[in-house]
C-alpha atoms as a PDB file:
ATOM      1  CA  MET A   1      78.668  93.528  97.159  1.00  0.00           C
ATOM      2  CA  ASN A   2      78.843  92.464 100.789  1.00  0.00           C
ATOM      3  CA  THR A   3      78.989  88.742  99.950  1.00  0.00           C
ATOM      4  CA  PHE A   4      82.153  86.826  99.044  1.00  0.00           C
ATOM      5  CA  GLY A   5      82.347  83.268  97.704  1.00  0.00           C
ATOM      6  CA  ARG A   6      80.244  80.938  95.586  1.00  0.00           C
ATOM      7  CA  ILE A   7      79.635  77.860  97.768  1.00  0.00           C
ATOM      8  CA  PHE A   8      81.460  78.769 100.990  1.00  0.00           C
ATOM      9  CA  ARG A   9      80.053  82.305 101.296  1.00  0.00           C
ATOM     10  CA  LEU A  10      80.460  85.158 103.729  1.00  0.00           C
ATOM     11  CA  THR A  11      78.006  88.038 103.956  1.00  0.00           C
ATOM     12  CA  SER A  12      79.312  90.677 106.334  1.00  0.00           C
ATOM     13  CA  PHE A  13      77.749  93.726 107.975  1.00  0.00           C
ATOM     14  CA  GLY A  14      78.559  96.520 110.403  1.00  0.00           C
ATOM     15  CA  GLU A  15      80.497  99.761 110.711  1.00  0.00           C
ATOM     16  CA  SER A  16      83.502 100.938 112.693  1.00  0.00           C
ATOM     17  CA  HIS A  17      81.421 102.948 115.188  1.00  0.00           C
ATOM     18  CA  GLY A  18      78.138 101.072 114.901  1.00  0.00           C
ATOM     19  CA  ARG A  19      76.883  98.517 117.408  1.00  0.00           C
ATOM     20  CA  GLY A  20      79.161  95.808 116.047  1.00  0.00           C
ATOM     21  CA  ILE A  21      80.636  93.867 113.133  1.00  0.00           C
ATOM     22  CA  GLY A  22      79.157  90.557 112.088  1.00  0.00           C
ATOM     23  CA  GLY A  23      78.432  88.150 109.324  1.00  0.00           C
ATOM     24  CA  VAL A  24      76.658  85.072 108.063  1.00  0.00           C
ATOM     25  CA  ILE A  25      78.627  82.106 106.716  1.00  0.00           C
ATOM     26  CA  ASP A  26      76.640  79.980 104.306  1.00  0.00           C
ATOM     27  CA  GLY A  27      77.756  76.727 102.705  1.00  0.00           C
ATOM     28  CA  CYS A  28      79.985  75.504 105.521  1.00  0.00           C
ATOM     29  CA  PRO A  29      79.727  71.691 105.535  1.00  0.00           C
ATOM     30  CA  SER A  30      77.935  69.990 108.424  1.00  0.00           C
ATOM     31  CA  GLY A  31      79.766  67.914 111.015  1.00  0.00           C
ATOM     32  CA  LEU A  32      82.843  70.129 111.162  1.00  0.00           C
ATOM     33  CA  SER A  33      84.231  70.248 114.710  1.00  0.00           C
ATOM     34  CA  VAL A  34      84.354  73.887 115.772  1.00  0.00           C
ATOM     35  CA  ASP A  35      87.720  75.017 117.141  1.00  0.00           C
ATOM     36  CA  PHE A  36      86.646  77.859 119.439  1.00  0.00           C
ATOM     37  CA  ASP A  37      90.263  78.476 120.495  1.00  0.00           C
ATOM     38  CA  LEU A  38      91.241  79.021 116.857  1.00  0.00           C
ATOM     39  CA  ILE A  39      88.540  81.672 116.449  1.00  0.00           C
ATOM     40  CA  ARG A  40      89.728  83.481 119.585  1.00  0.00           C
ATOM     41  CA  THR A  41      93.359  83.235 118.500  1.00  0.00           C
ATOM     42  CA  GLU A  42      92.684  84.630 115.033  1.00  0.00           C
ATOM     43  CA  LEU A  43      90.632  87.507 116.446  1.00  0.00           C
ATOM     44  CA  GLY A  44      93.384  88.160 118.975  1.00  0.00           C
ATOM     45  CA  ARG A  45      95.968  88.508 116.209  1.00  0.00           C
ATOM     46  CA  ARG A  46      93.815  91.154 114.522  1.00  0.00           C
ATOM     47  CA  ARG A  47      92.659  92.883 117.720  1.00  0.00           C
ATOM     48  CA  PRO A  48      93.794  96.505 118.271  1.00  0.00           C
ATOM     49  CA  GLY A  49      95.586  97.905 121.298  1.00  0.00           C
ATOM     50  CA  GLN A  50      97.918  94.978 121.972  1.00  0.00           C
ATOM     51  CA  THR A  51     101.315  96.465 121.101  1.00  0.00           C
ATOM     52  CA  ALA A  52     102.978  99.839 120.639  1.00  0.00           C
ATOM     53  CA  LEU A  53     102.840  99.195 116.884  1.00  0.00           C
ATOM     54  CA  SER A  54      99.032  99.417 116.739  1.00  0.00           C
ATOM     55  CA  THR A  55      96.206 101.834 117.453  1.00  0.00           C
ATOM     56  CA  ALA A  56      95.347 102.554 121.091  1.00  0.00           C
ATOM     57  CA  ARG A  57      91.711 101.563 120.521  1.00  0.00           C
ATOM     58  CA  ASN A  58      91.139  98.725 122.975  1.00  0.00           C
ATOM     59  CA  GLU A  59      88.429  96.270 121.932  1.00  0.00           C
ATOM     60  CA  ALA A  60      87.837  92.862 123.497  1.00  0.00           C
ATOM     61  CA  ASP A  61      86.659  91.512 120.117  1.00  0.00           C
ATOM     62  CA  GLU A  62      84.748  88.615 121.642  1.00  0.00           C
ATOM     63  CA  VAL A  63      82.583  86.778 119.137  1.00  0.00           C
ATOM     64  CA  GLU A  64      78.990  85.693 119.718  1.00  0.00           C
ATOM     65  CA  LEU A  65      78.139  82.622 117.641  1.00  0.00           C
ATOM     66  CA  ILE A  66      74.403  82.901 117.110  1.00  0.00           C
ATOM     67  CA  SER A  67      73.418  80.003 114.855  1.00  0.00           C
ATOM     68  CA  GLY A  68      74.625  77.048 112.806  1.00  0.00           C
ATOM     69  CA  ILE A  69      76.453  75.219 115.612  1.00  0.00           C
ATOM     70  CA  PHE A  70      75.123  72.412 117.822  1.00  0.00           C
ATOM     71  CA  GLU A  71      77.073  70.337 120.356  1.00  0.00           C
ATOM     72  CA  GLY A  72      80.347  71.775 119.096  1.00  0.00           C
ATOM     73  CA  LYS A  73      79.810  70.966 115.419  1.00  0.00           C
ATOM     74  CA  THR A  74      78.527  72.816 112.380  1.00  0.00           C
ATOM     75  CA  THR A  75      75.021  71.796 111.348  1.00  0.00           C
ATOM     76  CA  GLY A  76      75.132  72.907 107.714  1.00  0.00           C
ATOM     77  CA  ALA A  77      72.797  75.807 108.530  1.00  0.00           C
ATOM     78  CA  PRO A  78      73.981  79.416 108.173  1.00  0.00           C
ATOM     79  CA  ILE A  79      76.502  80.383 110.855  1.00  0.00           C
ATOM     80  CA  ALA A  80      75.635  83.856 112.144  1.00  0.00           C
ATOM     81  CA  PHE A  81      78.055  85.735 114.398  1.00  0.00           C
ATOM     82  CA  LEU A  82      78.534  89.160 115.966  1.00  0.00           C
ATOM     83  CA  VAL A  83      81.458  91.042 117.523  1.00  0.00           C
ATOM     84  CA  ARG A  84      80.258  94.100 119.434  1.00  0.00           C
ATOM     85  CA  ASN A  85      82.041  97.472 119.371  1.00  0.00           C
ATOM     86  CA  THR A  86      82.730  98.714 122.897  1.00  0.00           C
ATOM     87  CA  ASP A  87      85.544 101.309 122.727  1.00  0.00           C
ATOM     88  CA  MET A  88      84.298 103.879 120.226  1.00  0.00           C
ATOM     89  CA  ARG A  89      85.072 107.584 120.473  1.00  0.00           C
ATOM     90  CA  SER A  90      82.757 108.838 117.761  1.00  0.00           C
ATOM     91  CA  GLN A  91      83.125 112.450 118.893  1.00  0.00           C
ATOM     92  CA  ASP A  92      86.732 112.349 117.659  1.00  0.00           C
ATOM     93  CA  TYR A  93      85.343 112.403 114.121  1.00  0.00           C
ATOM     94  CA  ASP A  94      82.664 115.112 114.436  1.00  0.00           C
ATOM     95  CA  TYR A  95      84.888 117.711 112.749  1.00  0.00           C
ATOM     96  CA  LEU A  96      85.040 115.476 109.637  1.00  0.00           C
ATOM     97  CA  LYS A  97      81.311 115.514 108.855  1.00  0.00           C
ATOM     98  CA  GLY A  98      81.741 117.594 105.709  1.00  0.00           C
ATOM     99  CA  ILE A  99      85.449 117.107 105.005  1.00  0.00           C
ATOM    100  CA  PHE A 100      87.104 114.582 102.701  1.00  0.00           C
ATOM    101  CA  ARG A 101      90.253 113.079 104.198  1.00  0.00           C
ATOM    102  CA  PRO A 102      93.135 112.581 101.713  1.00  0.00           C
ATOM    103  CA  SER A 103      93.389 109.020 100.297  1.00  0.00           C
ATOM    104  CA  HIS A 104      90.331 107.822 102.243  1.00  0.00           C
ATOM    105  CA  ALA A 105      87.003 106.581 100.894  1.00  0.00           C
ATOM    106  CA  ASP A 106      85.197 109.702 102.157  1.00  0.00           C
ATOM    107  CA  TYR A 107      84.792 111.391  98.779  1.00  0.00           C
ATOM    108  CA  THR A 108      83.986 108.270  96.750  1.00  0.00           C
ATOM    109  CA  TYR A 109      81.393 107.039  99.286  1.00  0.00           C
ATOM    110  CA  HIS A 110      79.777 110.493  99.338  1.00  0.00           C
ATOM    111  CA  ALA A 111      79.764 110.694  95.535  1.00  0.00           C
ATOM    112  CA  LYS A 112      78.324 107.186  95.150  1.00  0.00           C
ATOM    113  CA  TYR A 113      75.715 107.124  97.932  1.00  0.00           C
ATOM    114  CA  GLY A 114      75.064 110.772  98.755  1.00  0.00           C
ATOM    115  CA  ILE A 115      75.577 109.956 102.425  1.00  0.00           C
ATOM    116  CA  ARG A 116      78.463 108.580 104.478  1.00  0.00           C
ATOM    117  CA  ASP A 117      79.208 107.545 108.026  1.00  0.00           C
ATOM    118  CA  HIS A 118      82.055 109.863 109.037  1.00  0.00           C
ATOM    119  CA  ARG A 119      82.681 108.027 112.331  1.00  0.00           C
ATOM    120  CA  GLY A 120      85.961 106.259 111.721  1.00  0.00           C
ATOM    121  CA  GLY A 121      85.122 105.670 108.076  1.00  0.00           C
ATOM    122  CA  GLY A 122      81.997 103.631 108.756  1.00  0.00           C
ATOM    123  CA  ARG A 123      81.829 100.640 106.456  1.00  0.00           C
ATOM    124  CA  SER A 124      85.132 101.542 104.752  1.00  0.00           C
ATOM    125  CA  SER A 125      87.028 101.121 108.026  1.00  0.00           C
ATOM    126  CA  ALA A 126      89.442  98.219 108.377  1.00  0.00           C
ATOM    127  CA  ARG A 127      87.402  97.195 111.418  1.00  0.00           C
ATOM    128  CA  GLU A 128      85.079  95.394 108.983  1.00  0.00           C
ATOM    129  CA  THR A 129      87.849  92.821 108.549  1.00  0.00           C
ATOM    130  CA  ILE A 130      86.688  91.233 111.823  1.00  0.00           C
ATOM    131  CA  ALA A 131      84.015  89.401 109.815  1.00  0.00           C
ATOM    132  CA  ARG A 132      86.669  88.138 107.410  1.00  0.00           C
ATOM    133  CA  VAL A 133      88.802  86.787 110.260  1.00  0.00           C
ATOM    134  CA  VAL A 134      85.923  84.939 111.950  1.00  0.00           C
ATOM    135  CA  SER A 135      84.756  83.346 108.693  1.00  0.00           C
ATOM    136  CA  GLY A 136      88.364  82.662 107.725  1.00  0.00           C
ATOM    137  CA  ALA A 137      88.765  80.702 110.969  1.00  0.00           C
ATOM    138  CA  PHE A 138      85.903  78.405 109.923  1.00  0.00           C
ATOM    139  CA  ALA A 139      87.497  78.042 106.479  1.00  0.00           C
ATOM    140  CA  LYS A 140      90.779  77.152 108.180  1.00  0.00           C
ATOM    141  CA  MET A 141      89.019  74.454 110.210  1.00  0.00           C
ATOM    142  CA  LEU A 142      87.908  72.830 106.967  1.00  0.00           C
ATOM    143  CA  LEU A 143      91.376  73.142 105.426  1.00  0.00           C
ATOM    144  CA  ASN A 144      93.143  71.963 108.586  1.00  0.00           C
ATOM    145  CA  SER A 145      91.182  68.720 108.373  1.00  0.00           C
ATOM    146  CA  MET A 146      92.982  68.167 105.051  1.00  0.00           C
ATOM    147  CA  ASN A 147      96.407  69.181 106.396  1.00  0.00           C
ATOM    148  CA  ILE A 148      96.432  72.413 104.404  1.00  0.00           C
ATOM    149  CA  SER A 149      98.337  75.221 106.106  1.00  0.00           C
ATOM    150  CA  ILE A 150      98.314  78.976 105.441  1.00  0.00           C
ATOM    151  CA  GLU A 151     100.900  81.315 106.964  1.00  0.00           C
ATOM    152  CA  ALA A 152     101.538  84.985 106.252  1.00  0.00           C
ATOM    153  CA  PHE A 153     104.614  86.914 107.362  1.00  0.00           C
ATOM    154  CA  THR A 154     106.121  90.370 106.869  1.00  0.00           C
ATOM    155  CA  THR A 155     108.866  90.639 104.265  1.00  0.00           C
ATOM    156  CA  GLN A 156     109.196  94.419 103.920  1.00  0.00           C
ATOM    157  CA  ILE A 157     108.529  97.598 105.882  1.00  0.00           C
ATOM    158  CA  GLY A 158     109.424 100.739 103.947  1.00  0.00           C
ATOM    159  CA  PRO A 159     112.986 100.233 102.616  1.00  0.00           C
ATOM    160  CA  ILE A 160     113.767  97.354 105.012  1.00  0.00           C
ATOM    161  CA  VAL A 161     113.495  94.031 103.152  1.00  0.00           C
ATOM    162  CA  LEU A 162     113.745  90.456 104.433  1.00  0.00           C
ATOM    163  CA  GLU A 163     116.354  88.755 102.274  1.00  0.00           C
ATOM    164  CA  GLN A 164     115.275  85.236 101.264  1.00  0.00           C
ATOM    165  CA  LYS A 165     116.557  82.839  98.621  1.00  0.00           C
ATOM    166  CA  ASP A 166     113.388  80.761  98.815  1.00  0.00           C
ATOM    167  CA  SER A 167     110.251  82.631  99.878  1.00  0.00           C
ATOM    168  CA  THR A 168     108.468  79.374 100.758  1.00  0.00           C
ATOM    169  CA  GLN A 169     111.033  78.354 103.384  1.00  0.00           C
ATOM    170  CA  PHE A 170     111.077  80.177 106.726  1.00  0.00           C
ATOM    171  CA  SER A 171     110.993  79.508 110.449  1.00  0.00           C
ATOM    172  CA  SER A 172     107.508  79.777 111.956  1.00  0.00           C
ATOM    173  CA  GLU A 173     109.095  79.639 115.413  1.00  0.00           C
ATOM    174  CA  LEU A 174     111.266  82.706 114.754  1.00  0.00           C
ATOM    175  CA  ALA A 175     108.357  84.523 113.143  1.00  0.00           C
ATOM    176  CA  ALA A 176     106.172  83.948 116.203  1.00  0.00           C
ATOM    177  CA  GLU A 177     108.630  85.916 118.352  1.00  0.00           C
ATOM    178  CA  ASN A 178     107.494  89.326 117.050  1.00  0.00           C
ATOM    179  CA  PRO A 179     104.195  91.025 116.109  1.00  0.00           C
ATOM    180  CA  LEU A 180     105.271  91.418 112.477  1.00  0.00           C
ATOM    181  CA  HIS A 181     105.686  87.644 112.203  1.00  0.00           C
ATOM    182  CA  CYS A 182     109.003  88.282 110.461  1.00  0.00           C
ATOM    183  CA  PRO A 183     111.195  85.150 110.530  1.00  0.00           C
ATOM    184  CA  ASP A 184     114.491  86.979 111.113  1.00  0.00           C
ATOM    185  CA  ARG A 185     115.298  88.631 114.438  1.00  0.00           C
ATOM    186  CA  GLU A 186     117.565  91.430 113.179  1.00  0.00           C
ATOM    187  CA  THR A 187     115.261  92.324 110.307  1.00  0.00           C
ATOM    188  CA  ALA A 188     112.213  92.262 112.589  1.00  0.00           C
ATOM    189  CA  GLU A 189     113.903  94.576 115.088  1.00  0.00           C
ATOM    190  CA  ALA A 190     114.842  97.025 112.330  1.00  0.00           C
ATOM    191  CA  MET A 191     111.283  96.953 110.977  1.00  0.00           C
ATOM    192  CA  MET A 192     109.721  97.556 114.394  1.00  0.00           C
ATOM    193  CA  SER A 193     112.184 100.374 115.115  1.00  0.00           C
ATOM    194  CA  LEU A 194     111.197 102.063 111.851  1.00  0.00           C
ATOM    195  CA  ILE A 195     107.476 101.755 112.632  1.00  0.00           C
ATOM    196  CA  SER A 196     108.073 103.258 116.094  1.00  0.00           C
ATOM    197  CA  GLN A 197     110.024 106.125 114.556  1.00  0.00           C
ATOM    198  CA  VAL A 198     107.270 106.800 112.019  1.00  0.00           C
ATOM    199  CA  LYS A 199     104.672 106.724 114.783  1.00  0.00           C
ATOM    200  CA  GLU A 200     106.612 109.356 116.754  1.00  0.00           C
ATOM    201  CA  GLU A 201     106.680 111.497 113.626  1.00  0.00           C
ATOM    202  CA  GLN A 202     102.867 111.261 113.495  1.00  0.00           C
ATOM    203  CA  ASP A 203     103.233 109.584 110.098  1.00  0.00           C
ATOM    204  CA  SER A 204     102.671 106.078 108.683  1.00  0.00           C
ATOM    205  CA  ILE A 205     104.469 103.555 106.492  1.00  0.00           C
ATOM    206  CA  GLY A 206     103.628 100.638 104.203  1.00  0.00           C
ATOM    207  CA  GLY A 207     105.109  97.255 103.515  1.00  0.00           C
ATOM    208  CA  MET A 208     104.870  93.815 101.976  1.00  0.00           C
ATOM    209  CA  VAL A 209     103.269  90.574 103.191  1.00  0.00           C
ATOM    210  CA  SER A 210     104.191  87.124 101.886  1.00  0.00           C
ATOM    211  CA  CYS A 211     101.852  84.158 102.261  1.00  0.00           C
ATOM    212  CA  VAL A 212     102.739  80.474 101.893  1.00  0.00           C
ATOM    213  CA  ILE A 213     100.074  77.781 101.444  1.00  0.00           C
ATOM    214  CA  LYS A 214     101.052  74.127 101.710  1.00  0.00           C
ATOM    215  CA  GLY A 215      99.089  70.931 101.091  1.00  0.00           C
ATOM    216  CA  VAL A 216      96.656  72.050  98.382  1.00  0.00           C
ATOM    217  CA  PRO A 217      95.996  69.064  96.082  1.00  0.00           C
ATOM    218  CA  VAL A 218      96.069  69.111  92.306  1.00  0.00           C
ATOM    219  CA  GLY A 219      92.927  70.333  90.579  1.00  0.00           C
ATOM    220  CA  TRP A 220      91.526  73.244  92.594  1.00  0.00           C
ATOM    221  CA  GLY A 221      90.510  76.295  90.571  1.00  0.00           C
ATOM    222  CA  GLU A 222      88.646  76.848  87.327  1.00  0.00           C
ATOM    223  CA  PRO A 223      89.904  77.626  83.812  1.00  0.00           C
ATOM    224  CA  VAL A 224      89.383  81.006  82.122  1.00  0.00           C
ATOM    225  CA  PHE A 225      87.277  83.133  84.520  1.00  0.00           C
ATOM    226  CA  GLY A 226      87.590  81.180  87.775  1.00  0.00           C
ATOM    227  CA  LYS A 227      91.359  80.876  87.915  1.00  0.00           C
ATOM    228  CA  LEU A 228      92.617  80.153  91.433  1.00  0.00           C
ATOM    229  CA  HIS A 229      95.205  82.926  91.357  1.00  0.00           C
ATOM    230  CA  ALA A 230      92.592  85.389  90.086  1.00  0.00           C
ATOM    231  CA  ARG A 231      90.277  84.484  92.973  1.00  0.00           C
ATOM    232  CA  LEU A 232      93.168  84.940  95.404  1.00  0.00           C
ATOM    233  CA  ALA A 233      93.994  88.311  93.861  1.00  0.00           C
ATOM    234  CA  GLU A 234      90.371  89.437  94.155  1.00  0.00           C
ATOM    235  CA  ALA A 235      90.273  88.362  97.797  1.00  0.00           C
ATOM    236  CA  ILE A 236      93.563  89.920  98.849  1.00  0.00           C
ATOM    237  CA  LEU A 237      93.048  93.169  96.947  1.00  0.00           C
ATOM    238  CA  SER A 238      89.689  93.592  98.686  1.00  0.00           C
ATOM    239  CA  ILE A 239      91.504  94.058 102.015  1.00  0.00           C
ATOM    240  CA  PRO A 240      91.670  97.728 103.076  1.00  0.00           C
ATOM    241  CA  ALA A 241      95.026  99.388 102.224  1.00  0.00           C
ATOM    242  CA  CYS A 242      96.126  96.545  99.907  1.00  0.00           C
ATOM    243  CA  LYS A 243      97.537  97.995  96.675  1.00  0.00           C
ATOM    244  CA  GLY A 244      99.252  95.107  94.906  1.00  0.00           C
ATOM    245  CA  PHE A 245      99.302  91.322  94.439  1.00  0.00           C
ATOM    246  CA  GLU A 246     101.698  88.904  92.784  1.00  0.00           C
ATOM    247  CA  TYR A 247     102.003  85.116  92.897  1.00  0.00           C
ATOM    248  CA  GLY A 248     104.853  82.825  91.976  1.00  0.00           C
ATOM    249  CA  SER A 249     107.711  84.670  90.301  1.00  0.00           C
ATOM    250  CA  GLY A 250     105.310  87.567  89.764  1.00  0.00           C
ATOM    251  CA  PHE A 251     106.944  90.729  88.462  1.00  0.00           C
ATOM    252  CA  ASP A 252     110.423  89.227  88.215  1.00  0.00           C
ATOM    253  CA  LEU A 253     111.002  89.566  84.484  1.00  0.00           C
ATOM    254  CA  SER A 254     114.755  89.005  84.594  1.00  0.00           C
ATOM    255  CA  GLN A 255     114.624  85.293  83.719  1.00  0.00           C
ATOM    256  CA  LYS A 256     114.386  83.734  80.286  1.00  0.00           C
ATOM    257  CA  GLY A 257     111.726  81.147  79.546  1.00  0.00           C
ATOM    258  CA  SER A 258     114.311  78.386  79.642  1.00  0.00           C
ATOM    259  CA  ARG A 259     114.992  79.164  83.308  1.00  0.00           C
ATOM    260  CA  GLN A 260     111.454  80.238  84.218  1.00  0.00           C
ATOM    261  CA  ASN A 261     109.680  77.042  83.117  1.00  0.00           C
ATOM    262  CA  ASP A 262     108.947  74.446  85.799  1.00  0.00           C
ATOM    263  CA  ALA A 263     110.115  71.065  84.495  1.00  0.00           C
ATOM    264  CA  PHE A 264     107.966  68.034  85.378  1.00  0.00           C
ATOM    265  CA  TYR A 265     109.324  64.744  86.649  1.00  0.00           C
ATOM    266  CA  PHE A 266     107.957  61.561  88.231  1.00  0.00           C
ATOM    267  CA  ASP A 267     109.267  60.934  91.756  1.00  0.00           C
ATOM    268  CA  GLY A 268     108.124  57.312  91.864  1.00  0.00           C
ATOM    269  CA  GLU A 269     104.749  58.102  93.399  1.00  0.00           C
ATOM    270  CA  SER A 270     103.451  61.242  91.703  1.00  0.00           C
ATOM    271  CA  ILE A 271     104.233  63.911  89.141  1.00  0.00           C
ATOM    272  CA  SER A 272     106.052  66.926  90.553  1.00  0.00           C
ATOM    273  CA  THR A 273     108.090  69.929  89.344  1.00  0.00           C
ATOM    274  CA  ARG A 274     111.788  70.654  89.841  1.00  0.00           C
ATOM    275  CA  SER A 275     111.137  74.353  90.450  1.00  0.00           C
ATOM    276  CA  ASN A 276     108.076  76.360  91.443  1.00  0.00           C
ATOM    277  CA  ASN A 277     108.163  79.642  89.568  1.00  0.00           C
ATOM    278  CA  SER A 278     104.463  79.095  88.828  1.00  0.00           C
ATOM    279  CA  GLY A 279     103.643  79.533  92.499  1.00  0.00           C
ATOM    280  CA  GLY A 280     101.699  76.273  92.722  1.00  0.00           C
ATOM    281  CA  ILE A 281      99.142  77.285  90.080  1.00  0.00           C
ATOM    282  CA  GLN A 282      99.204  76.605  86.348  1.00  0.00           C
ATOM    283  CA  GLY A 283      96.404  77.481  83.957  1.00  0.00           C
ATOM    284  CA  GLY A 284      94.464  78.791  86.940  1.00  0.00           C
ATOM    285  CA  ILE A 285      94.446  75.331  88.585  1.00  0.00           C
ATOM    286  CA  SER A 286      96.535  74.140  91.538  1.00  0.00           C
ATOM    287  CA  ASN A 287      99.323  71.750  90.545  1.00  0.00           C
ATOM    288  CA  GLY A 288     100.051  70.264  93.972  1.00  0.00           C
ATOM    289  CA  GLN A 289     103.076  72.437  94.726  1.00  0.00           C
ATOM    290  CA  THR A 290     103.314  75.101  97.418  1.00  0.00           C
ATOM    291  CA  ILE A 291     101.231  78.177  96.601  1.00  0.00           C
ATOM    292  CA  TYR A 292     102.853  81.474  97.487  1.00  0.00           C
ATOM    293  CA  PHE A 293     102.043  85.118  96.870  1.00  0.00           C
ATOM    294  CA  LYS A 294     102.924  88.641  98.003  1.00  0.00           C
ATOM    295  CA  ALA A 295     100.657  91.568  98.827  1.00  0.00           C
ATOM    296  CA  ALA A 296     101.661  95.238  99.071  1.00  0.00           C
ATOM    297  CA  PHE A 297     100.020  97.486 101.671  1.00  0.00           C
ATOM    298  CA  LYS A 298     100.122 101.259 101.398  1.00  0.00           C
ATOM    299  CA  PRO A 299     100.871 103.558 104.343  1.00  0.00           C
ATOM    300  CA  ILE A 300      97.788 104.121 106.514  1.00  0.00           C
ATOM    301  CA  ALA A 301      96.063 107.266 105.227  1.00  0.00           C
ATOM    302  CA  SER A 302      95.118 108.569 108.700  1.00  0.00           C
ATOM    303  CA  ILE A 303      98.100 110.616 109.892  1.00  0.00           C
ATOM    304  CA  ARG A 304      98.346 113.531 112.323  1.00  0.00           C
ATOM    305  CA  ILE A 305     100.507 115.670 110.027  1.00  0.00           C
ATOM    306  CA  PRO A 306      98.512 118.684 108.701  1.00  0.00           C
ATOM    307  CA  GLN A 307      97.191 118.083 105.170  1.00  0.00           C
ATOM    308  CA  GLU A 308      95.398 120.072 102.487  1.00  0.00           C
ATOM    309  CA  THR A 309      91.967 118.923 101.310  1.00  0.00           C
ATOM    310  CA  VAL A 310      88.456 120.227 100.527  1.00  0.00           C
ATOM    311  CA  ASP A 311      85.013 119.998 102.102  1.00  0.00           C
ATOM    312  CA  LYS A 312      81.856 118.776 100.356  1.00  0.00           C
ATOM    313  CA  GLU A 313      81.285 122.285  98.962  1.00  0.00           C
ATOM    314  CA  GLY A 314      84.730 122.260  97.348  1.00  0.00           C
ATOM    315  CA  VAL A 315      86.185 124.819  99.765  1.00  0.00           C
ATOM    316  CA  ALA A 316      89.887 124.299 100.510  1.00  0.00           C
ATOM    317  CA  VAL A 317      90.618 123.425 104.142  1.00  0.00           C
ATOM    318  CA  GLN A 318      93.543 122.163 106.177  1.00  0.00           C
ATOM    319  CA  ILE A 319      93.003 119.225 108.505  1.00  0.00           C
ATOM    320  CA  GLN A 320      94.988 117.390 111.137  1.00  0.00           C
ATOM    321  CA  ILE A 321      93.407 113.968 111.621  1.00  0.00           C
ATOM    322  CA  GLU A 322      92.657 113.052 115.212  1.00  0.00           C
ATOM    323  CA  GLY A 323      91.536 109.692 116.602  1.00  0.00           C
ATOM    324  CA  ARG A 324      93.454 106.451 117.149  1.00  0.00           C
ATOM    325  CA  HIS A 325      95.158 104.888 114.137  1.00  0.00           C
ATOM    326  CA  ASP A 326      97.798 102.307 113.263  1.00  0.00           C
ATOM    327  CA  PRO A 327     101.161 103.637 112.028  1.00  0.00           C
ATOM    328  CA  CYS A 328     101.427 100.526 109.826  1.00  0.00           C
ATOM    329  CA  ALA A 329      98.782  98.111 108.574  1.00  0.00           C
ATOM    330  CA  LEU A 330     100.933  95.002 108.449  1.00  0.00           C
ATOM    331  CA  PRO A 331     100.942  93.600 112.015  1.00  0.00           C
ATOM    332  CA  ARG A 332      97.146  93.336 112.069  1.00  0.00           C
ATOM    333  CA  ALA A 333      96.739  92.649 108.334  1.00  0.00           C
ATOM    334  CA  LEU A 334      98.490  89.265 108.525  1.00  0.00           C
ATOM    335  CA  PRO A 335      95.505  87.280 109.902  1.00  0.00           C
ATOM    336  CA  VAL A 336      93.241  89.038 107.394  1.00  0.00           C
ATOM    337  CA  VAL A 337      95.458  87.930 104.500  1.00  0.00           C
ATOM    338  CA  GLU A 338      95.361  84.362 105.806  1.00  0.00           C
ATOM    339  CA  ALA A 339      91.586  84.540 106.303  1.00  0.00           C
ATOM    340  CA  MET A 340      90.878  85.722 102.756  1.00  0.00           C
ATOM    341  CA  ALA A 341      93.188  83.053 101.311  1.00  0.00           C
ATOM    342  CA  ALA A 342      91.386  80.442 103.437  1.00  0.00           C
ATOM    343  CA  LEU A 343      87.970  81.593 102.169  1.00  0.00           C
ATOM    344  CA  VAL A 344      89.144  81.236  98.559  1.00  0.00           C
ATOM    345  CA  LEU A 345      90.569  77.767  99.168  1.00  0.00           C
ATOM    346  CA  ALA A 346      87.541  76.521 101.130  1.00  0.00           C
ATOM    347  CA  ASP A 347      85.347  77.666  98.253  1.00  0.00           C
ATOM    348  CA  ALA A 348      87.655  76.023  95.699  1.00  0.00           C
ATOM    349  CA  CYS A 349      87.607  72.808  97.732  1.00  0.00           C
ATOM    350  CA  LEU A 350      83.804  72.643  97.783  1.00  0.00           C
ATOM    351  CA  LEU A 351      83.596  73.510  94.082  1.00  0.00           C
ATOM    352  CA  ALA A 352      86.007  70.664  93.308  1.00  0.00           C
ATOM    353  CA  ARG A 353      83.932  68.277  95.463  1.00  0.00           C
ATOM    354  CA  SER A 354      80.724  69.304  93.686  1.00  0.00           C
ATOM    355  CA  LYS A 355      82.211  68.229  90.354  1.00  0.00           C
ATOM    356  CA  GLU A 356      83.072  64.817  91.747  1.00  0.00           C
ATOM    357  CA  LEU A 357      79.413  63.999  92.472  1.00  0.00           C
ATOM    358  CA  LYS A 358      77.935  61.246  90.309  1.00  0.00           C
ATOM    359  CA  PHE A 359      74.236  61.119  89.448  1.00  0.00           C
END
């Protein structure tokens, strides 16, 4: 299952310490003006080695667009791309050839396939998200042409929580001031201080990402098995280290139905709702309101603190993981969350268009 999407599809390939990460985008409409700066910007947000909050691995992450583009526009043909790996230290992982790291995919990959790439996790590494970000940039180009915006920001690191009355209202300008894209200066500073402290302790920490999507029209998404929120959940939960997803009021069970329900009204031009506890989706179909969701990310499993585990023979061993790793997934996960949401929405857009065709 290396392909995501039904009409707007990404097939990705590559491993953390292989020659590179790449993909093929199929179903992208022709005539779309390619925003090369957007692709570079999105890759730059995900790129390692930029701040003290990320791994020291230093990759240029420059994309080679191989096909599907002519004179600055998409042709409708498959868009193939490649980002080469240049700063690998595969020898750092030689001691892990027969050892299963705690909370990694080592054991499950070995059990399923009988072979695994121990160099940085191979295909299970978060480096594979490069392909998601590149394809997500093309999806964003399509959505931007319809004035649809997607923005993710950090709302929690460990016990530090961004207090918000309305999770859909925040300052993008304030968020842009820090690598966590947290729209509150004091909270952002406290979060970054905690991540730095955890890094010094050779440990890691998790957190929460919120994502706000504006401009989606009524009618995207399918009933029953193609619900828009279910497709978003599938996409977001496929991101490495993501452990939870909620949309709208989610797990807040404190309200009664009389307060939870979103009342409809006519504003003189269109039907709208007085509240948005549904998170912009009702019955699996977008209702024209702002879509918002949260995603929980676990602490990065690669830590330098000694841990107990076993090797492939079942012999107990103690390991201390070497290599270069992030103390927290969130700073670099934000563009991946946006990319996966964009892929879902681009697909939903094209599915909705296909049903409008008359024969």
